[in-house]
Amino acid sequence: MDRTKHRGLTLVEASTATAIAAAALTTALGGFGDLLQRRHTEGVAAELSGDLQLARTESVMRNTGVRFGFEGGVGGARCYVIHTGSTGACTCLGASQPACSGDAVAIKAVNFPSDGRTSVHANVGSMLFDPTRATVTPTATIQVRTSDGRQINHIVNILGRVRSCAASGQWPGLRPC
């Protein structure tokens, strides 16, 4: 009788190794998806904060009032537009470039994708940045929300300064509101 050693894995051993690898990969991908969601939301919040400062700077530089207007539908804003002119003089809905009426000039427009990952909600429809005093009226709270309910709040005070915080302390690196 010839007893040679067989090298390799049995079907049971191979199946067990595959199951362990699949479980580890699923765990890793779940954490990676959460990281991507968080980074995407932080990017939207950072751009929004920068654009609020842009509106304030443009009003002083142009020596005219500059509006920061939100346009939206159910569940939050779909876009915002920074422009001169009266409330609603420029619109960003349904166009790659904002459309303005009269002598209003669009400075910047940002559209939010409708993928539902991140949404923007504001307690005002429009804010006016005054060129003389570099102030804003009305003051506002703008929320950047993830699909799982976490949010970053931007609180804009009368001087046009933006303070960012995490609602319910749910965001690493930001102070709780």
N, C-alpha and C. Protein backbone atom coordinates (compact mmCIF):
# COMPACT_ATOMS: atom_id res chain seq x y z
N MET A 1 0.81 -1.16 0.00
CA MET A 1 0.00 0.00 0.00
C MET A 1 0.87 1.25 0.00
N ASP A 2 0.59 2.14 -0.94
CA ASP A 2 1.40 3.35 -1.08
C ASP A 2 0.71 4.50 -0.35
N ARG A 3 1.41 5.02 0.63
CA ARG A 3 0.83 6.15 1.38
C ARG A 3 1.60 7.42 1.03
N THR A 4 1.12 8.14 0.06
CA THR A 4 1.74 9.41 -0.30
C THR A 4 0.97 10.54 0.36
N LYS A 5 1.68 11.57 0.67
CA LYS A 5 1.03 12.73 1.30
C LYS A 5 0.37 13.58 0.22
N HIS A 6 -0.84 13.93 0.47
CA HIS A 6 -1.56 14.83 -0.44
C HIS A 6 -1.49 16.24 0.13
N ARG A 7 -1.13 17.15 -0.74
CA ARG A 7 -1.07 18.55 -0.32
C ARG A 7 -2.27 19.28 -0.87
N GLY A 8 -2.71 20.33 -0.16
CA GLY A 8 -3.85 21.10 -0.61
C GLY A 8 -4.91 21.20 0.47
N LEU A 9 -6.02 21.77 0.09
CA LEU A 9 -7.12 21.99 1.02
C LEU A 9 -8.29 21.10 0.68
N THR A 10 -8.99 20.73 1.68
CA THR A 10 -10.24 20.00 1.44
C THR A 10 -11.32 21.02 1.12
N LEU A 11 -12.41 20.54 0.61
CA LEU A 11 -13.53 21.43 0.27
C LEU A 11 -14.06 22.15 1.51
N VAL A 12 -14.09 21.50 2.62
CA VAL A 12 -14.56 22.11 3.87
C VAL A 12 -13.61 23.23 4.30
N GLU A 13 -12.32 22.99 4.21
CA GLU A 13 -11.35 24.01 4.59
C GLU A 13 -11.43 25.23 3.66
N ALA A 14 -11.56 25.00 2.37
CA ALA A 14 -11.66 26.09 1.40
C ALA A 14 -12.94 26.89 1.62
N SER A 15 -14.05 26.23 1.90
CA SER A 15 -15.32 26.92 2.14
C SER A 15 -15.25 27.76 3.41
N THR A 16 -14.62 27.23 4.44
CA THR A 16 -14.47 27.97 5.70
C THR A 16 -13.63 29.23 5.49
N ALA A 17 -12.52 29.10 4.77
CA ALA A 17 -11.65 30.25 4.50
C ALA A 17 -12.39 31.31 3.68
N THR A 18 -13.17 30.87 2.70
CA THR A 18 -13.94 31.81 1.87
C THR A 18 -14.99 32.54 2.70
N ALA A 19 -15.66 31.85 3.59
CA ALA A 19 -16.69 32.46 4.44
C ALA A 19 -16.07 33.50 5.38
N ILE A 20 -14.91 33.19 5.95
CA ILE A 20 -14.24 34.15 6.83
C ILE A 20 -13.80 35.38 6.06
N ALA A 21 -13.25 35.18 4.86
CA ALA A 21 -12.82 36.32 4.03
C ALA A 21 -14.01 37.19 3.64
N ALA A 22 -15.14 36.56 3.30
CA ALA A 22 -16.34 37.32 2.92
C ALA A 22 -16.87 38.14 4.09
N ALA A 23 -16.86 37.57 5.29
CA ALA A 23 -17.32 38.30 6.47
C ALA A 23 -16.41 39.49 6.77
N ALA A 24 -15.12 39.30 6.64
CA ALA A 24 -14.17 40.40 6.89
C ALA A 24 -14.34 41.50 5.85
N LEU A 25 -14.53 41.13 4.59
CA LEU A 25 -14.70 42.12 3.53
C LEU A 25 -15.99 42.91 3.72
N THR A 26 -17.07 42.25 4.10
CA THR A 26 -18.34 42.93 4.34
C THR A 26 -18.21 43.95 5.46
N THR A 27 -17.52 43.60 6.52
CA THR A 27 -17.31 44.52 7.63
C THR A 27 -16.49 45.72 7.19
N ALA A 28 -15.44 45.47 6.43
CA ALA A 28 -14.58 46.56 5.97
C ALA A 28 -15.31 47.50 5.03
N LEU A 29 -16.11 46.95 4.11
CA LEU A 29 -16.83 47.79 3.15
C LEU A 29 -17.90 48.62 3.83
N GLY A 30 -18.53 48.09 4.87
CA GLY A 30 -19.53 48.86 5.61
C GLY A 30 -18.91 50.10 6.23
N GLY A 31 -17.76 49.95 6.85
CA GLY A 31 -17.05 51.08 7.44
C GLY A 31 -16.56 52.05 6.39
N PHE A 32 -16.15 51.54 5.24
CA PHE A 32 -15.67 52.39 4.15
C PHE A 32 -16.80 53.23 3.58
N GLY A 33 -17.98 52.64 3.44
CA GLY A 33 -19.14 53.38 2.94
C GLY A 33 -19.51 54.52 3.87
N ASP A 34 -19.44 54.27 5.18
CA ASP A 34 -19.71 55.31 6.16
C ASP A 34 -18.69 56.44 6.06
N LEU A 35 -17.44 56.07 5.87
CA LEU A 35 -16.37 57.08 5.72
C LEU A 35 -16.61 57.93 4.47
N LEU A 36 -16.98 57.30 3.37
CA LEU A 36 -17.26 58.06 2.14
C LEU A 36 -18.44 59.01 2.34
N GLN A 37 -19.49 58.55 3.00
CA GLN A 37 -20.66 59.39 3.27
C GLN A 37 -20.26 60.59 4.10
N ARG A 38 -19.47 60.36 5.15
CA ARG A 38 -19.05 61.45 6.02
C ARG A 38 -18.19 62.46 5.27
N ARG A 39 -17.24 61.99 4.48
CA ARG A 39 -16.37 62.90 3.71
C ARG A 39 -17.16 63.69 2.68
N HIS A 40 -18.12 63.06 2.03
CA HIS A 40 -18.95 63.77 1.05
C HIS A 40 -19.72 64.90 1.73
N THR A 41 -20.31 64.60 2.87
CA THR A 41 -21.08 65.61 3.60
C THR A 41 -20.17 66.73 4.09
N GLU A 42 -18.99 66.39 4.57
CA GLU A 42 -18.04 67.42 5.01
C GLU A 42 -17.64 68.32 3.84
N GLY A 43 -17.51 67.74 2.65
CA GLY A 43 -17.18 68.53 1.46
C GLY A 43 -18.28 69.50 1.10
N VAL A 44 -19.53 69.04 1.14
CA VAL A 44 -20.67 69.92 0.86
C VAL A 44 -20.72 71.05 1.89
N ALA A 45 -20.53 70.70 3.16
CA ALA A 45 -20.57 71.70 4.24
C ALA A 45 -19.43 72.72 4.09
N ALA A 46 -18.24 72.27 3.71
CA ALA A 46 -17.11 73.18 3.54
C ALA A 46 -17.34 74.13 2.37
N GLU A 47 -17.87 73.61 1.26
CA GLU A 47 -18.15 74.48 0.12
C GLU A 47 -19.22 75.52 0.48
N LEU A 48 -20.25 75.10 1.19
CA LEU A 48 -21.30 76.01 1.61
C LEU A 48 -20.76 77.12 2.50
N SER A 49 -19.92 76.75 3.47
CA SER A 49 -19.32 77.74 4.36
C SER A 49 -18.46 78.73 3.58
N GLY A 50 -17.67 78.23 2.65
CA GLY A 50 -16.84 79.10 1.82
C GLY A 50 -17.67 80.03 0.95
N ASP A 51 -18.78 79.53 0.43
CA ASP A 51 -19.64 80.35 -0.42
C ASP A 51 -20.36 81.44 0.38
N LEU A 52 -20.67 81.18 1.63
CA LEU A 52 -21.24 82.23 2.48
C LEU A 52 -20.23 83.37 2.66
N GLN A 53 -18.96 83.02 2.85
CA GLN A 53 -17.93 84.05 2.96
C GLN A 53 -17.72 84.76 1.62
N LEU A 54 -17.85 84.01 0.52
CA LEU A 54 -17.75 84.61 -0.81
C LEU A 54 -18.82 85.67 -1.00
N ALA A 55 -20.04 85.38 -0.60
CA ALA A 55 -21.14 86.34 -0.75
C ALA A 55 -20.85 87.61 0.05
N ARG A 56 -20.35 87.45 1.25
CA ARG A 56 -20.02 88.61 2.09
C ARG A 56 -18.92 89.46 1.44
N THR A 57 -17.88 88.79 0.96
CA THR A 57 -16.76 89.49 0.31
C THR A 57 -17.20 90.18 -0.97
N GLU A 58 -18.00 89.49 -1.77
CA GLU A 58 -18.48 90.08 -3.04
C GLU A 58 -19.34 91.31 -2.80
N SER A 59 -20.14 91.33 -1.74
CA SER A 59 -20.98 92.50 -1.49
C SER A 59 -20.12 93.72 -1.17
N VAL A 60 -19.06 93.52 -0.40
CA VAL A 60 -18.16 94.64 -0.07
C VAL A 60 -17.37 95.06 -1.31
N MET A 61 -16.85 94.09 -2.05
CA MET A 61 -16.03 94.38 -3.22
C MET A 61 -16.85 95.09 -4.31
N ARG A 62 -18.08 94.66 -4.54
CA ARG A 62 -18.92 95.26 -5.58
C ARG A 62 -19.66 96.51 -5.10
N ASN A 63 -19.65 96.73 -3.79
CA ASN A 63 -20.36 97.84 -3.17
C ASN A 63 -21.85 97.80 -3.52
N THR A 64 -22.40 96.61 -3.45
CA THR A 64 -23.83 96.42 -3.66
C THR A 64 -24.28 95.20 -2.87
N GLY A 65 -25.56 95.15 -2.59
CA GLY A 65 -26.08 94.01 -1.85
C GLY A 65 -25.97 92.72 -2.65
N VAL A 66 -25.58 91.66 -1.98
CA VAL A 66 -25.48 90.35 -2.62
C VAL A 66 -26.38 89.38 -1.87
N ARG A 67 -27.16 88.65 -2.61
CA ARG A 67 -28.10 87.69 -2.03
C ARG A 67 -27.55 86.27 -2.11
N PHE A 68 -27.90 85.51 -1.09
CA PHE A 68 -27.60 84.08 -1.03
C PHE A 68 -28.96 83.42 -0.91
N GLY A 69 -29.45 82.87 -2.01
CA GLY A 69 -30.80 82.32 -2.03
C GLY A 69 -30.84 80.82 -2.20
N PHE A 70 -31.74 80.18 -1.46
CA PHE A 70 -31.94 78.74 -1.54
C PHE A 70 -33.19 78.46 -2.35
N GLU A 71 -33.09 77.49 -3.23
CA GLU A 71 -34.25 77.05 -3.98
C GLU A 71 -34.42 75.57 -3.72
N GLY A 72 -35.62 75.18 -3.43
CA GLY A 72 -35.77 73.77 -3.08
C GLY A 72 -37.12 73.22 -3.33
N GLY A 73 -37.24 72.06 -2.85
CA GLY A 73 -38.49 71.34 -2.95
C GLY A 73 -38.69 70.59 -1.66
N VAL A 74 -39.40 69.50 -1.76
CA VAL A 74 -39.66 68.67 -0.60
C VAL A 74 -38.34 68.08 -0.10
N GLY A 75 -38.07 68.21 1.19
CA GLY A 75 -36.88 67.59 1.76
C GLY A 75 -35.64 68.44 1.73
N GLY A 76 -35.72 69.71 1.38
CA GLY A 76 -34.54 70.57 1.44
C GLY A 76 -34.23 71.26 0.14
N ALA A 77 -33.18 72.06 0.18
CA ALA A 77 -32.78 72.83 -0.99
C ALA A 77 -32.21 71.92 -2.07
N ARG A 78 -32.51 72.24 -3.30
CA ARG A 78 -31.92 71.53 -4.43
C ARG A 78 -30.72 72.30 -4.98
N CYS A 79 -30.67 73.58 -4.66
CA CYS A 79 -29.56 74.41 -5.12
C CYS A 79 -29.55 75.72 -4.35
N TYR A 80 -28.46 76.45 -4.49
CA TYR A 80 -28.43 77.83 -4.01
C TYR A 80 -27.72 78.67 -5.05
N VAL A 81 -28.07 79.95 -5.06
CA VAL A 81 -27.45 80.87 -6.01
C VAL A 81 -27.05 82.14 -5.27
N ILE A 82 -25.86 82.62 -5.58
CA ILE A 82 -25.35 83.88 -5.04
C ILE A 82 -25.47 84.89 -6.16
N HIS A 83 -26.16 86.01 -5.89
CA HIS A 83 -26.43 86.96 -6.97
C HIS A 83 -26.67 88.36 -6.42
N THR A 84 -26.60 89.34 -7.31
CA THR A 84 -27.01 90.70 -6.99
C THR A 84 -28.48 90.81 -7.39
N GLY A 85 -29.10 91.91 -7.02
CA GLY A 85 -30.50 92.11 -7.40
C GLY A 85 -31.45 91.72 -6.29
N SER A 86 -32.73 91.71 -6.64
CA SER A 86 -33.76 91.44 -5.65
C SER A 86 -33.91 89.95 -5.37
N THR A 87 -34.68 89.65 -4.34
CA THR A 87 -34.95 88.26 -3.99
C THR A 87 -35.61 87.55 -5.16
N GLY A 88 -35.10 86.41 -5.53
CA GLY A 88 -35.68 85.64 -6.63
C GLY A 88 -35.33 86.14 -8.00
N ALA A 89 -34.42 87.11 -8.12
CA ALA A 89 -34.05 87.64 -9.44
C ALA A 89 -33.23 86.63 -10.23
N CYS A 90 -32.59 85.70 -9.56
CA CYS A 90 -31.83 84.64 -10.23
C CYS A 90 -32.34 83.30 -9.75
N THR A 91 -32.37 82.35 -10.64
CA THR A 91 -32.80 81.01 -10.29
C THR A 91 -31.78 80.00 -10.78
N CYS A 92 -31.63 78.93 -10.03
CA CYS A 92 -30.67 77.90 -10.43
C CYS A 92 -31.34 76.58 -10.73
N LEU A 93 -32.63 76.49 -10.59
CA LEU A 93 -33.32 75.23 -10.80
C LEU A 93 -33.38 74.85 -12.28
N GLY A 94 -33.02 73.63 -12.57
CA GLY A 94 -33.18 73.09 -13.91
C GLY A 94 -32.21 73.59 -14.94
N ALA A 95 -31.17 74.28 -14.54
CA ALA A 95 -30.21 74.78 -15.52
C ALA A 95 -28.79 74.61 -14.99
N SER A 96 -27.87 74.42 -15.92
CA SER A 96 -26.48 74.32 -15.48
C SER A 96 -25.94 75.69 -15.09
N GLN A 97 -26.42 76.72 -15.75
CA GLN A 97 -26.05 78.09 -15.41
C GLN A 97 -27.28 78.79 -14.85
N PRO A 98 -27.10 79.63 -13.83
CA PRO A 98 -28.27 80.33 -13.28
C PRO A 98 -28.87 81.31 -14.29
N ALA A 99 -30.17 81.47 -14.22
CA ALA A 99 -30.87 82.41 -15.08
C ALA A 99 -31.29 83.60 -14.23
N CYS A 100 -30.97 84.80 -14.70
CA CYS A 100 -31.28 86.02 -13.96
C CYS A 100 -32.18 86.92 -14.78
N SER A 101 -33.00 87.71 -14.08
CA SER A 101 -33.87 88.67 -14.75
C SER A 101 -33.44 90.08 -14.38
N GLY A 102 -33.79 91.02 -15.24
CA GLY A 102 -33.45 92.43 -14.99
C GLY A 102 -31.94 92.64 -14.99
N ASP A 103 -31.49 93.49 -14.06
CA ASP A 103 -30.05 93.80 -14.00
C ASP A 103 -29.31 92.94 -12.98
N ALA A 104 -29.94 91.88 -12.50
CA ALA A 104 -29.30 90.98 -11.53
C ALA A 104 -28.16 90.23 -12.20
N VAL A 105 -27.10 89.98 -11.43
CA VAL A 105 -25.92 89.27 -11.93
C VAL A 105 -25.68 88.06 -11.04
N ALA A 106 -25.58 86.90 -11.65
CA ALA A 106 -25.27 85.68 -10.90
C ALA A 106 -23.77 85.61 -10.65
N ILE A 107 -23.41 85.29 -9.42
CA ILE A 107 -22.01 85.14 -9.06
C ILE A 107 -21.63 83.66 -9.02
N LYS A 108 -22.48 82.85 -8.43
CA LYS A 108 -22.21 81.42 -8.35
C LYS A 108 -23.52 80.68 -8.05
N ALA A 109 -23.63 79.49 -8.61
CA ALA A 109 -24.76 78.62 -8.29
C ALA A 109 -24.23 77.22 -8.04
N VAL A 110 -24.83 76.54 -7.09
CA VAL A 110 -24.44 75.16 -6.76
C VAL A 110 -25.71 74.32 -6.74
N ASN A 111 -25.70 73.26 -7.53
CA ASN A 111 -26.81 72.30 -7.56
C ASN A 111 -26.41 71.08 -6.75
N PHE A 112 -27.36 70.53 -6.01
CA PHE A 112 -27.12 69.32 -5.22
C PHE A 112 -27.67 68.13 -5.97
N PRO A 113 -26.91 67.05 -6.02
CA PRO A 113 -27.43 65.87 -6.70
C PRO A 113 -28.64 65.31 -5.98
N SER A 114 -29.50 64.67 -6.72
CA SER A 114 -30.71 64.12 -6.14
C SER A 114 -30.52 62.67 -5.70
N ASP A 115 -29.28 62.29 -5.39
CA ASP A 115 -29.01 60.91 -4.98
C ASP A 115 -29.45 60.61 -3.56
N GLY A 116 -29.79 61.65 -2.78
CA GLY A 116 -30.29 61.45 -1.44
C GLY A 116 -29.24 61.24 -0.38
N ARG A 117 -27.95 61.24 -0.75
CA ARG A 117 -26.90 61.03 0.25
C ARG A 117 -26.78 62.22 1.19
N THR A 118 -26.87 63.42 0.64
CA THR A 118 -26.71 64.63 1.43
C THR A 118 -27.77 65.63 1.00
N SER A 119 -28.39 66.30 1.97
CA SER A 119 -29.37 67.34 1.66
C SER A 119 -29.06 68.58 2.48
N VAL A 120 -29.53 69.72 1.98
CA VAL A 120 -29.30 71.01 2.64
C VAL A 120 -30.66 71.62 2.98
N HIS A 121 -30.78 72.07 4.24
CA HIS A 121 -32.02 72.68 4.72
C HIS A 121 -31.66 74.02 5.36
N ALA A 122 -32.42 75.05 5.06
CA ALA A 122 -32.19 76.37 5.64
C ALA A 122 -33.49 76.88 6.25
N ASN A 123 -33.37 77.67 7.31
CA ASN A 123 -34.57 78.23 7.92
C ASN A 123 -34.98 79.55 7.28
N VAL A 124 -34.29 79.94 6.22
CA VAL A 124 -34.63 81.15 5.45
C VAL A 124 -34.57 80.80 3.97
N GLY A 125 -35.25 81.58 3.16
CA GLY A 125 -35.19 81.38 1.72
C GLY A 125 -34.07 82.15 1.07
N SER A 126 -33.71 83.29 1.70
CA SER A 126 -32.69 84.16 1.12
C SER A 126 -32.07 85.03 2.21
N MET A 127 -30.80 85.35 2.04
CA MET A 127 -30.10 86.28 2.94
C MET A 127 -29.49 87.39 2.11
N LEU A 128 -29.49 88.60 2.64
CA LEU A 128 -28.90 89.74 1.95
C LEU A 128 -27.66 90.20 2.70
N PHE A 129 -26.52 90.21 2.00
CA PHE A 129 -25.27 90.72 2.56
C PHE A 129 -25.15 92.19 2.20
N ASP A 130 -25.03 93.04 3.21
CA ASP A 130 -24.97 94.49 3.04
C ASP A 130 -23.52 94.92 2.81
N PRO A 131 -23.26 95.75 1.79
CA PRO A 131 -21.88 96.14 1.50
C PRO A 131 -21.29 97.17 2.46
N THR A 132 -22.12 98.00 3.05
CA THR A 132 -21.63 99.07 3.90
C THR A 132 -21.10 98.55 5.23
N ARG A 133 -21.86 97.70 5.85
CA ARG A 133 -21.46 97.20 7.17
C ARG A 133 -20.98 95.75 7.14
N ALA A 134 -21.03 95.10 5.98
CA ALA A 134 -20.66 93.69 5.83
C ALA A 134 -21.48 92.81 6.76
N THR A 135 -22.76 93.15 6.88
CA THR A 135 -23.67 92.37 7.72
C THR A 135 -24.62 91.57 6.84
N VAL A 136 -25.39 90.68 7.48
CA VAL A 136 -26.35 89.88 6.74
C VAL A 136 -27.69 89.90 7.47
N THR A 137 -28.76 89.97 6.69
CA THR A 137 -30.10 89.86 7.25
C THR A 137 -30.93 88.96 6.33
N PRO A 138 -31.72 88.12 6.86
CA PRO A 138 -31.77 87.71 8.24
C PRO A 138 -30.62 86.75 8.56
N THR A 139 -30.41 86.52 9.84
CA THR A 139 -29.45 85.50 10.23
C THR A 139 -30.08 84.14 9.92
N ALA A 140 -29.25 83.09 9.89
CA ALA A 140 -29.79 81.81 9.45
C ALA A 140 -29.08 80.64 10.10
N THR A 141 -29.76 79.52 10.09
CA THR A 141 -29.16 78.24 10.43
C THR A 141 -29.35 77.34 9.21
N ILE A 142 -28.25 76.83 8.70
CA ILE A 142 -28.27 75.98 7.51
C ILE A 142 -27.76 74.60 7.93
N GLN A 143 -28.53 73.59 7.60
CA GLN A 143 -28.19 72.22 8.00
C GLN A 143 -27.79 71.41 6.77
N VAL A 144 -26.66 70.72 6.89
CA VAL A 144 -26.23 69.77 5.86
C VAL A 144 -26.42 68.40 6.49
N ARG A 145 -27.36 67.62 5.94
CA ARG A 145 -27.76 66.35 6.55
C ARG A 145 -27.35 65.16 5.70
N THR A 146 -27.00 64.08 6.39
CA THR A 146 -26.74 62.82 5.70
C THR A 146 -28.04 62.03 5.63
N SER A 147 -28.04 61.00 4.83
CA SER A 147 -29.24 60.18 4.68
C SER A 147 -29.58 59.42 5.96
N ASP A 148 -28.59 59.22 6.85
CA ASP A 148 -28.87 58.52 8.11
C ASP A 148 -29.17 59.47 9.26
N GLY A 149 -29.36 60.76 8.99
CA GLY A 149 -29.82 61.70 10.00
C GLY A 149 -28.76 62.54 10.69
N ARG A 150 -27.48 62.24 10.49
CA ARG A 150 -26.44 63.09 11.09
C ARG A 150 -26.40 64.41 10.35
N GLN A 151 -25.98 65.48 11.03
CA GLN A 151 -25.96 66.77 10.35
C GLN A 151 -24.90 67.71 10.89
N ILE A 152 -24.46 68.57 9.98
CA ILE A 152 -23.56 69.68 10.31
C ILE A 152 -24.38 70.94 10.16
N ASN A 153 -24.38 71.79 11.20
CA ASN A 153 -25.10 73.06 11.15
C ASN A 153 -24.13 74.21 10.91
N HIS A 154 -24.51 75.13 10.04
CA HIS A 154 -23.80 76.39 9.86
C HIS A 154 -24.72 77.48 10.42
N ILE A 155 -24.24 78.18 11.42
CA ILE A 155 -25.02 79.25 12.02
C ILE A 155 -24.39 80.56 11.56
N VAL A 156 -25.17 81.36 10.82
CA VAL A 156 -24.68 82.62 10.26
C VAL A 156 -25.19 83.74 11.15
N ASN A 157 -24.26 84.50 11.77
CA ASN A 157 -24.68 85.59 12.65
C ASN A 157 -24.84 86.89 11.87
N ILE A 158 -25.26 87.93 12.55
CA ILE A 158 -25.57 89.23 11.91
C ILE A 158 -24.36 89.82 11.19
N LEU A 159 -23.15 89.49 11.66
CA LEU A 159 -21.93 90.00 11.02
C LEU A 159 -21.51 89.16 9.82
N GLY A 160 -22.29 88.14 9.49
CA GLY A 160 -21.99 87.30 8.34
C GLY A 160 -20.96 86.22 8.63
N ARG A 161 -20.63 86.05 9.88
CA ARG A 161 -19.66 85.02 10.25
C ARG A 161 -20.37 83.69 10.40
N VAL A 162 -19.66 82.64 10.04
CA VAL A 162 -20.24 81.30 10.06
C VAL A 162 -19.59 80.48 11.17
N ARG A 163 -20.43 79.88 12.00
CA ARG A 163 -19.96 78.96 13.04
C ARG A 163 -20.54 77.59 12.70
N SER A 164 -19.67 76.60 12.62
CA SER A 164 -20.11 75.25 12.29
C SER A 164 -20.12 74.39 13.54
N CYS A 165 -21.11 73.53 13.65
CA CYS A 165 -21.22 72.64 14.79
C CYS A 165 -21.96 71.38 14.38
N ALA A 166 -21.87 70.37 15.22
CA ALA A 166 -22.54 69.09 14.95
C ALA A 166 -23.80 69.00 15.79
N ALA A 167 -24.91 68.71 15.14
CA ALA A 167 -26.16 68.52 15.87
C ALA A 167 -26.04 67.27 16.74
N SER A 168 -26.38 67.39 17.99
CA SER A 168 -26.33 66.29 18.96
C SER A 168 -24.93 65.71 19.12
N GLY A 169 -23.91 66.44 18.75
CA GLY A 169 -22.54 65.99 18.92
C GLY A 169 -22.21 64.74 18.13
N GLN A 170 -22.85 64.54 17.00
CA GLN A 170 -22.71 63.32 16.24
C GLN A 170 -21.61 63.35 15.19
N TRP A 171 -20.80 64.39 15.16
CA TRP A 171 -19.81 64.51 14.11
C TRP A 171 -18.42 64.65 14.70
N PRO A 172 -17.52 63.71 14.41
CA PRO A 172 -16.16 63.80 14.95
C PRO A 172 -15.44 65.06 14.45
N GLY A 173 -14.79 65.75 15.34
CA GLY A 173 -14.04 66.93 14.98
C GLY A 173 -14.81 68.23 15.03
N LEU A 174 -16.10 68.19 15.28
CA LEU A 174 -16.91 69.41 15.39
C LEU A 174 -17.52 69.48 16.79
N ARG A 175 -17.62 70.69 17.29
CA ARG A 175 -18.27 70.89 18.59
C ARG A 175 -19.75 70.61 18.47
N PRO A 176 -20.34 70.10 19.53
CA PRO A 176 -21.80 69.92 19.51
C PRO A 176 -22.51 71.28 19.53
N CYS A 177 -23.66 71.35 18.91
CA CYS A 177 -24.44 72.60 18.89
C CYS A 177 -25.15 72.78 20.22
